Amino acid sequence: MNANVPEYGMTQRRSTYVPAATTLSALLLIAVGLFGCWLVGTRPLDVGTDTQTYAGFFQGLSSGGGETRLEPGFVYLTWGLWKLGFGVIGYQTALFAFMLGTIFIATRRYQDYLVGDDPVQRRGFLTFLGAAIMLLYVSPMFVNATINAVRQGLAALLVFASLLSFQRKQWLAFVVLGAVAASLHLSSLLYLVFAPVLLFGTRMQRLIAVIAFASYVSGLSTMIVRAFIPALYELMMTYTATDRSRVGVRVDFAVFSIFWYMLPFVLAPLVRAEYREKIKQSAAVYLVMTLPFFAVGWGYFSNRYLLPAWLSVSLILAAMLVHSRVALLRNPLLLRFGLILSCAAFYYYVTNEILI
């Protein structure tokens, strides 16, 4: 009887610690989210090349608005916030809060993809979410998605979640998430069109990656589109033409993108065995999100085709961290400290307009 007392006491302390740690994680995530809402929401209108455009559209609703090329989902979202009496700061804040919501959805579906219905592993969701936000906050691509390419940023991680659903053959979720993403930014359809690549095996997917990369960097994809779809070629070469961007093959973007596809395979030995294959399989979703760039990414602002893929990298890296075989890397205290530090990086990026 007495021999069982220490074990009972240890169990009791552990059961008390778990809710306390969960509460601490939740409070920290709320604080970090509120910080991001404040930072992005109160930014001056000259921070971000498209900030004034969105603010002008929002303010124009008071005079009846007018015709717009913006997607219906984004228009209805903007109209709803205007009807609620939001000002420009409130509008910008709400858009960032909506983006945090897309991070939550994508991270939750990714965790379900990795751990299934295991109730013990599902308890680690807040740690996983914190790691994902930490890596997004230190990513210049996320800054671009929050203060510049806002519509595409709102849609990006919904595309990731939609493609994960396709890979799991959850067809309804694929359609619903894809439709919401497309209603926010029509370019989402470009990534969903390539979803059937996820039906192939890993070996075939790697071959597709090699062919797509080689076709792009050699200029073959440019020549094929120019020869067989001249109207598309002309559109890519003239749309948003500006001196701030250049046309042509961007080998730097291509190498940078293919690097992140290879990384989960290279670092697989550092991931715990039970999650290793799932993370490598999820790299195929990232690959699908790069294929539009390899097909037509030689026009102006070609990096916009890579924004969803580059954002999804943060989620994949977060999964590799929280499921690492190296105990230090997945230590909750270390991850919380990193999340706090990421706020400083995000502040620097936004105030100095550090974009990719």
Protein backbone atom coordinates (compact mmCIF):
# COMPACT_ATOMS: atom_id res chain seq x y z
CA MET A 1 0.00 0.00 0.00
CA ASN A 2 2.73 2.44 1.03
CA ALA A 3 4.79 1.47 -2.00
CA ASN A 4 2.08 2.89 -4.17
CA VAL A 5 1.98 6.29 -2.46
CA PRO A 6 4.94 7.89 -4.30
CA GLU A 7 3.57 6.65 -7.62
CA TYR A 8 0.18 8.19 -6.82
CA GLY A 9 1.79 11.46 -5.78
CA MET A 10 3.85 11.59 -8.96
CA THR A 11 0.75 10.93 -11.08
CA GLN A 12 -1.16 13.62 -9.22
CA ARG A 13 1.60 16.17 -9.76
CA ARG A 14 1.78 15.25 -13.43
CA SER A 15 -1.98 15.61 -13.85
CA THR A 16 -1.79 19.05 -12.24
CA TYR A 17 1.16 20.10 -14.40
CA VAL A 18 -0.47 19.24 -17.73
CA PRO A 19 -3.44 21.67 -17.42
CA ALA A 20 -1.12 24.38 -16.09
CA ALA A 21 1.27 23.96 -19.03
CA THR A 22 -1.66 23.95 -21.45
CA THR A 23 -3.02 27.17 -19.93
CA LEU A 24 0.41 28.81 -20.13
CA SER A 25 0.76 27.80 -23.80
CA ALA A 26 -2.70 29.10 -24.61
CA LEU A 27 -2.08 32.45 -22.88
CA LEU A 28 1.26 32.86 -24.65
CA LEU A 29 -0.32 32.11 -28.04
CA ILE A 30 -3.08 34.63 -27.37
CA ALA A 31 -0.50 37.27 -26.41
CA VAL A 32 1.58 36.58 -29.51
CA GLY A 33 -1.53 36.72 -31.70
CA LEU A 34 -2.64 40.02 -30.16
CA PHE A 35 0.85 41.42 -30.69
CA GLY A 36 0.69 40.51 -34.38
CA CYS A 37 -2.79 42.02 -34.69
CA TRP A 38 -1.56 45.26 -33.14
CA LEU A 39 1.62 45.40 -35.23
CA VAL A 40 -0.01 44.65 -38.59
CA GLY A 41 -3.29 46.42 -37.85
CA THR A 42 -1.75 49.74 -36.83
CA ARG A 43 0.87 49.86 -39.58
CA PRO A 44 0.93 53.14 -41.57
CA LEU A 45 -0.68 53.04 -44.99
CA ASP A 46 2.70 53.49 -46.67
CA VAL A 47 3.97 50.18 -45.20
CA GLY A 48 3.27 47.51 -47.80
CA THR A 49 2.87 48.23 -51.48
CA ASP A 50 -0.80 47.17 -51.55
CA THR A 51 -1.86 48.52 -48.16
CA GLN A 52 -3.26 51.74 -49.60
CA THR A 53 -5.15 49.78 -52.27
CA TYR A 54 -6.96 47.63 -49.72
CA ALA A 55 -7.56 50.57 -47.38
CA GLY A 56 -8.93 52.60 -50.30
CA PHE A 57 -11.28 49.78 -51.30
CA PHE A 58 -12.49 49.47 -47.70
CA GLN A 59 -13.07 53.22 -47.33
CA GLY A 60 -14.73 53.37 -50.75
CA LEU A 61 -17.57 51.18 -49.47
CA SER A 62 -18.95 54.22 -47.63
CA SER A 63 -19.62 55.90 -50.98
CA GLY A 64 -21.20 52.86 -52.56
CA GLY A 65 -17.98 51.19 -53.71
CA GLY A 66 -18.15 50.15 -57.33
CA GLU A 67 -16.99 47.38 -59.60
CA THR A 68 -13.91 45.52 -58.48
CA ARG A 69 -11.73 42.68 -59.72
CA LEU A 70 -11.31 41.39 -56.18
CA GLU A 71 -12.58 37.89 -55.46
CA PRO A 72 -16.09 37.58 -53.93
CA GLY A 73 -14.97 35.95 -50.70
CA PHE A 74 -12.60 38.80 -49.96
CA VAL A 75 -15.19 41.37 -51.00
CA TYR A 76 -17.83 39.89 -48.67
CA LEU A 77 -15.30 39.71 -45.84
CA THR A 78 -14.42 43.37 -46.36
CA TRP A 79 -18.07 44.37 -46.66
CA GLY A 80 -18.93 42.50 -43.45
CA LEU A 81 -16.19 44.28 -41.51
CA TRP A 82 -17.36 47.62 -42.90
CA LYS A 83 -20.96 46.91 -41.89
CA LEU A 84 -19.74 46.11 -38.38
CA GLY A 85 -18.36 49.65 -38.18
CA PHE A 86 -14.65 48.87 -38.34
CA GLY A 87 -12.24 51.64 -39.27
CA VAL A 88 -9.13 51.11 -41.40
CA ILE A 89 -7.06 50.03 -38.39
CA GLY A 90 -9.79 47.65 -37.31
CA TYR A 91 -10.01 46.33 -40.87
CA GLN A 92 -6.29 45.64 -41.09
CA THR A 93 -6.35 44.07 -37.63
CA ALA A 94 -9.28 41.82 -38.53
CA LEU A 95 -7.57 40.64 -41.72
CA PHE A 96 -4.52 39.59 -39.72
CA ALA A 97 -6.74 37.87 -37.16
CA PHE A 98 -8.40 36.01 -40.05
CA MET A 99 -4.95 34.94 -41.23
CA LEU A 100 -4.18 33.60 -37.76
CA GLY A 101 -7.39 31.61 -38.12
CA THR A 102 -6.12 30.05 -41.35
CA ILE A 103 -2.89 29.10 -39.53
CA PHE A 104 -4.96 27.41 -36.83
CA ILE A 105 -7.02 25.47 -39.40
CA ALA A 106 -3.99 24.37 -41.44
CA THR A 107 -1.99 23.39 -38.35
CA ARG A 108 -4.89 21.43 -36.87
CA ARG A 109 -5.45 19.49 -40.09
CA TYR A 110 -1.71 18.88 -40.43
CA GLN A 111 -1.54 17.54 -36.88
CA ASP A 112 -4.49 15.23 -37.59
CA TYR A 113 -2.60 14.09 -40.69
CA LEU A 114 0.48 13.28 -38.61
CA VAL A 115 -0.92 11.79 -35.40
CA GLY A 116 -4.40 10.62 -36.39
CA ASP A 117 -6.84 10.10 -33.53
CA ASP A 118 -4.22 9.44 -30.86
CA PRO A 119 -5.58 11.47 -27.88
CA VAL A 120 -2.19 11.63 -26.16
CA GLN A 121 -0.41 13.09 -29.17
CA ARG A 122 -3.28 15.47 -29.93
CA ARG A 123 -2.62 17.16 -26.59
CA GLY A 124 0.55 18.60 -28.10
CA PHE A 125 -1.40 20.73 -30.57
CA LEU A 126 -0.69 24.05 -28.83
CA THR A 127 3.04 23.30 -28.87
CA PHE A 128 2.82 22.49 -32.57
CA LEU A 129 0.78 25.64 -33.26
CA GLY A 130 3.28 27.75 -31.32
CA ALA A 131 6.18 26.29 -33.31
CA ALA A 132 4.35 27.01 -36.58
CA ILE A 133 3.62 30.63 -35.62
CA MET A 134 7.21 31.08 -34.42
CA LEU A 135 8.59 29.97 -37.77
CA LEU A 136 6.06 32.06 -39.69
CA TYR A 137 6.92 35.17 -37.66
CA VAL A 138 10.60 34.83 -38.58
CA SER A 139 9.77 34.30 -42.25
CA PRO A 140 9.96 37.33 -44.58
CA MET A 141 7.46 35.48 -46.80
CA PHE A 142 4.90 35.72 -44.02
CA VAL A 143 5.47 39.47 -43.80
CA ASN A 144 4.81 39.69 -47.53
CA ALA A 145 1.59 37.74 -47.01
CA THR A 146 0.39 40.02 -44.21
CA ILE A 147 1.19 43.53 -45.47
CA ASN A 148 1.49 43.13 -49.22
CA ALA A 149 -0.04 40.09 -50.95
CA VAL A 150 -2.84 40.00 -48.39
CA ARG A 151 -5.49 38.15 -50.39
CA GLN A 152 -3.09 35.44 -51.47
CA GLY A 153 -1.74 35.28 -47.94
CA LEU A 154 -5.21 34.65 -46.55
CA ALA A 155 -5.75 31.84 -49.05
CA ALA A 156 -2.28 30.24 -48.92
CA LEU A 157 -2.51 27.93 -45.91
CA LEU A 158 -6.09 26.99 -46.78
CA VAL A 159 -4.62 25.65 -50.03
CA PHE A 160 -2.12 23.63 -47.98
CA ALA A 161 -4.94 22.24 -45.83
CA SER A 162 -7.02 21.48 -48.93
CA LEU A 163 -4.20 19.54 -50.57
CA LEU A 164 -3.54 17.61 -47.36
CA SER A 165 -7.21 16.59 -47.48
CA PHE A 166 -6.82 15.48 -51.09
CA GLN A 167 -3.84 13.33 -50.15
CA ARG A 168 -5.93 11.72 -47.39
CA LYS A 169 -8.84 11.25 -49.84
CA GLN A 170 -11.07 13.51 -47.77
CA TRP A 171 -12.84 14.86 -50.82
CA LEU A 172 -15.40 17.11 -49.11
CA ALA A 173 -12.76 18.89 -47.06
CA PHE A 174 -10.64 19.27 -50.20
CA VAL A 175 -13.50 20.92 -52.08
CA VAL A 176 -14.68 23.16 -49.23
CA LEU A 177 -11.22 24.40 -48.22
CA GLY A 178 -10.24 24.84 -51.87
CA ALA A 179 -13.41 26.79 -52.62
CA VAL A 180 -12.85 29.13 -49.67
CA ALA A 181 -9.23 29.67 -50.74
CA ALA A 182 -10.26 30.40 -54.33
CA SER A 183 -12.92 32.85 -53.12
CA LEU A 184 -10.16 34.82 -51.42
CA HIS A 185 -7.61 34.59 -54.25
CA LEU A 186 -8.32 33.00 -57.60
CA SER A 187 -4.72 31.83 -58.03
CA SER A 188 -5.52 29.09 -55.49
CA LEU A 189 -7.00 27.09 -58.37
CA LEU A 190 -3.53 26.86 -59.95
CA TYR A 191 -2.32 24.70 -57.06
CA LEU A 192 -5.48 22.62 -56.78
CA VAL A 193 -5.24 21.69 -60.47
CA PHE A 194 -1.96 19.88 -59.74
CA ALA A 195 -3.49 17.90 -56.83
CA PRO A 196 -3.58 14.58 -58.81
CA VAL A 197 0.23 14.48 -58.48
CA LEU A 198 -0.44 13.45 -54.88
CA LEU A 199 -1.93 10.18 -56.12
CA PHE A 200 1.47 9.01 -57.38
CA GLY A 201 4.08 7.26 -55.29
CA THR A 202 7.11 9.00 -53.82
CA ARG A 203 9.43 7.83 -56.60
CA MET A 204 7.21 9.25 -59.33
CA GLN A 205 6.78 12.49 -57.40
CA ARG A 206 10.55 12.88 -57.17
CA LEU A 207 10.79 12.33 -60.92
CA ILE A 208 8.14 15.02 -61.48
CA ALA A 209 10.13 17.36 -59.23
CA VAL A 210 13.31 16.76 -61.26
CA ILE A 211 11.52 17.24 -64.59
CA ALA A 212 9.72 20.40 -63.43
CA PHE A 213 12.91 21.91 -62.03
CA ALA A 214 14.99 21.07 -65.11
CA SER A 215 12.31 22.34 -67.51
CA TYR A 216 12.13 25.64 -65.69
CA VAL A 217 15.83 26.41 -65.23
CA SER A 218 16.62 25.36 -68.82
CA GLY A 219 13.93 27.67 -70.18
CA LEU A 220 12.03 24.73 -71.70
CA SER A 221 8.79 25.55 -69.87
CA THR A 222 8.97 29.11 -71.21
CA MET A 223 9.43 27.88 -74.78
CA ILE A 224 6.59 25.36 -74.49
CA VAL A 225 4.10 27.95 -73.24
CA ARG A 226 5.23 30.50 -75.84
CA ALA A 227 4.83 27.96 -78.65
CA PHE A 228 1.58 26.27 -77.65
CA ILE A 229 -0.25 28.84 -75.49
CA PRO A 230 0.88 32.23 -76.84
CA ALA A 231 -1.98 34.10 -75.13
CA LEU A 232 -0.84 32.80 -71.73
CA TYR A 233 2.76 33.67 -72.51
CA GLU A 234 1.77 37.21 -73.43
CA LEU A 235 -0.27 37.56 -70.25
CA MET A 236 2.60 36.37 -68.05
CA MET A 237 5.03 38.76 -69.73
CA THR A 238 2.84 41.84 -69.46
CA TYR A 239 0.77 41.40 -66.30
CA THR A 240 1.84 43.88 -63.57
CA ALA A 241 4.85 44.95 -65.65
CA THR A 242 7.07 47.22 -63.56
CA ASP A 243 10.68 48.20 -63.01
CA ARG A 244 10.49 46.74 -59.48
CA SER A 245 10.56 43.20 -60.85
CA ARG A 246 12.20 41.45 -63.77
CA VAL A 247 11.10 38.77 -66.16
CA GLY A 248 12.91 35.59 -67.08
CA VAL A 249 14.01 32.40 -65.39
CA ARG A 250 14.80 32.90 -61.70
CA VAL A 251 17.31 30.18 -60.90
CA ASP A 252 17.67 31.52 -57.35
CA PHE A 253 13.97 31.05 -56.65
CA ALA A 254 14.01 27.60 -58.25
CA VAL A 255 17.00 26.34 -56.23
CA PHE A 256 15.61 27.86 -53.03
CA SER A 257 12.27 26.13 -53.62
CA ILE A 258 13.61 22.70 -54.48
CA PHE A 259 15.87 22.86 -51.41
CA TRP A 260 12.85 22.87 -49.10
CA TYR A 261 11.35 19.90 -50.92
CA MET A 262 14.55 17.89 -50.38
CA LEU A 263 15.09 18.92 -46.75
CA PRO A 264 12.50 16.60 -45.09
CA PHE A 265 14.12 13.63 -46.85
CA VAL A 266 17.66 14.68 -45.92
CA LEU A 267 16.80 15.34 -42.27
CA ALA A 268 14.43 12.38 -41.92
CA PRO A 269 16.83 10.49 -39.59
CA LEU A 270 16.42 13.33 -37.07
CA VAL A 271 12.64 12.81 -36.92
CA ARG A 272 11.07 10.19 -34.67
CA ALA A 273 10.34 7.03 -36.60
CA GLU A 274 6.57 7.07 -36.13
CA TYR A 275 6.28 10.48 -37.86
CA ARG A 276 9.09 10.22 -40.37
CA GLU A 277 7.13 8.83 -43.31
CA LYS A 278 4.15 11.13 -42.81
CA ILE A 279 6.36 14.22 -42.86
CA LYS A 280 8.12 12.99 -45.99
CA GLN A 281 4.75 12.35 -47.59
CA SER A 282 3.60 15.86 -46.69
CA ALA A 283 6.58 17.20 -48.64
CA ALA A 284 4.66 16.10 -51.73
CA VAL A 285 2.01 18.71 -50.87
CA TYR A 286 4.74 21.34 -50.86
CA LEU A 287 5.96 20.03 -54.22
CA VAL A 288 2.49 20.41 -55.74
CA MET A 289 2.42 24.01 -54.51
CA THR A 290 5.66 24.78 -56.38
CA LEU A 291 4.53 23.36 -59.75
CA PRO A 292 2.69 26.51 -60.93
CA PHE A 293 5.94 28.43 -60.52
CA PHE A 294 7.93 25.87 -62.50
CA ALA A 295 5.28 26.08 -65.23
CA VAL A 296 4.85 29.87 -65.60
CA GLY A 297 7.16 31.50 -63.07
CA TRP A 298 9.15 33.58 -65.51
CA GLY A 299 6.94 36.67 -65.64
CA TYR A 300 6.90 39.75 -63.42
CA PHE A 301 6.71 39.06 -59.67
CA SER A 302 7.16 35.35 -60.29
CA ASN A 303 7.77 34.79 -56.57
CA ARG A 304 4.03 35.33 -55.99
CA TYR A 305 3.47 31.83 -57.36
CA LEU A 306 5.71 30.49 -54.59
CA LEU A 307 4.18 32.33 -51.66
CA PRO A 308 1.79 29.52 -50.57
CA ALA A 309 4.53 26.90 -50.84
CA TRP A 310 7.03 28.99 -48.93
CA LEU A 311 4.50 29.64 -46.16
CA SER A 312 3.76 25.92 -45.86
CA VAL A 313 7.47 25.30 -45.21
CA SER A 314 7.03 26.80 -41.74
CA LEU A 315 4.41 24.16 -40.88
CA ILE A 316 6.55 21.31 -42.17
CA LEU A 317 9.58 22.56 -40.24
CA ALA A 318 7.41 22.94 -37.13
CA ALA A 319 6.39 19.29 -37.47
CA MET A 320 10.03 18.28 -37.75
CA LEU A 321 10.84 20.27 -34.61
CA VAL A 322 8.08 18.99 -32.33
CA HIS A 323 8.62 15.40 -33.50
CA SER A 324 12.41 15.57 -33.48
CA ARG A 325 14.50 12.76 -31.99
CA VAL A 326 16.62 15.49 -30.38
CA ALA A 327 14.86 16.22 -27.09
CA LEU A 328 16.27 19.75 -26.85
CA LEU A 329 14.69 20.82 -30.15
CA ARG A 330 11.21 19.78 -29.06
CA ASN A 331 11.53 21.11 -25.51
CA PRO A 332 8.34 23.15 -24.83
CA LEU A 333 10.21 25.79 -22.80
CA LEU A 334 12.70 26.34 -25.60
CA LEU A 335 9.89 26.58 -28.16
CA ARG A 336 8.01 29.11 -26.02
CA PHE A 337 11.14 31.21 -25.63
CA GLY A 338 11.67 31.04 -29.40
CA LEU A 339 8.07 32.14 -29.95
CA ILE A 340 8.66 35.22 -27.80
CA LEU A 341 11.86 36.06 -29.68
CA SER A 342 10.07 35.63 -33.01
CA CYS A 343 7.87 38.60 -32.11
CA ALA A 344 10.97 40.81 -32.14
CA ALA A 345 11.92 39.49 -35.58
CA PHE A 346 8.38 40.05 -36.86
CA TYR A 347 8.40 43.61 -35.51
CA TYR A 348 11.70 44.32 -37.28
CA TYR A 349 10.47 42.81 -40.55
CA VAL A 350 7.20 44.74 -40.62
CA THR A 351 8.59 48.12 -39.57
CA ASN A 352 11.43 47.81 -42.08
CA GLU A 353 9.35 46.14 -44.82
CA ILE A 354 11.66 43.15 -45.12
CA LEU A 355 9.95 41.15 -47.89
CA ILE A 356 10.73 38.28 -50.24
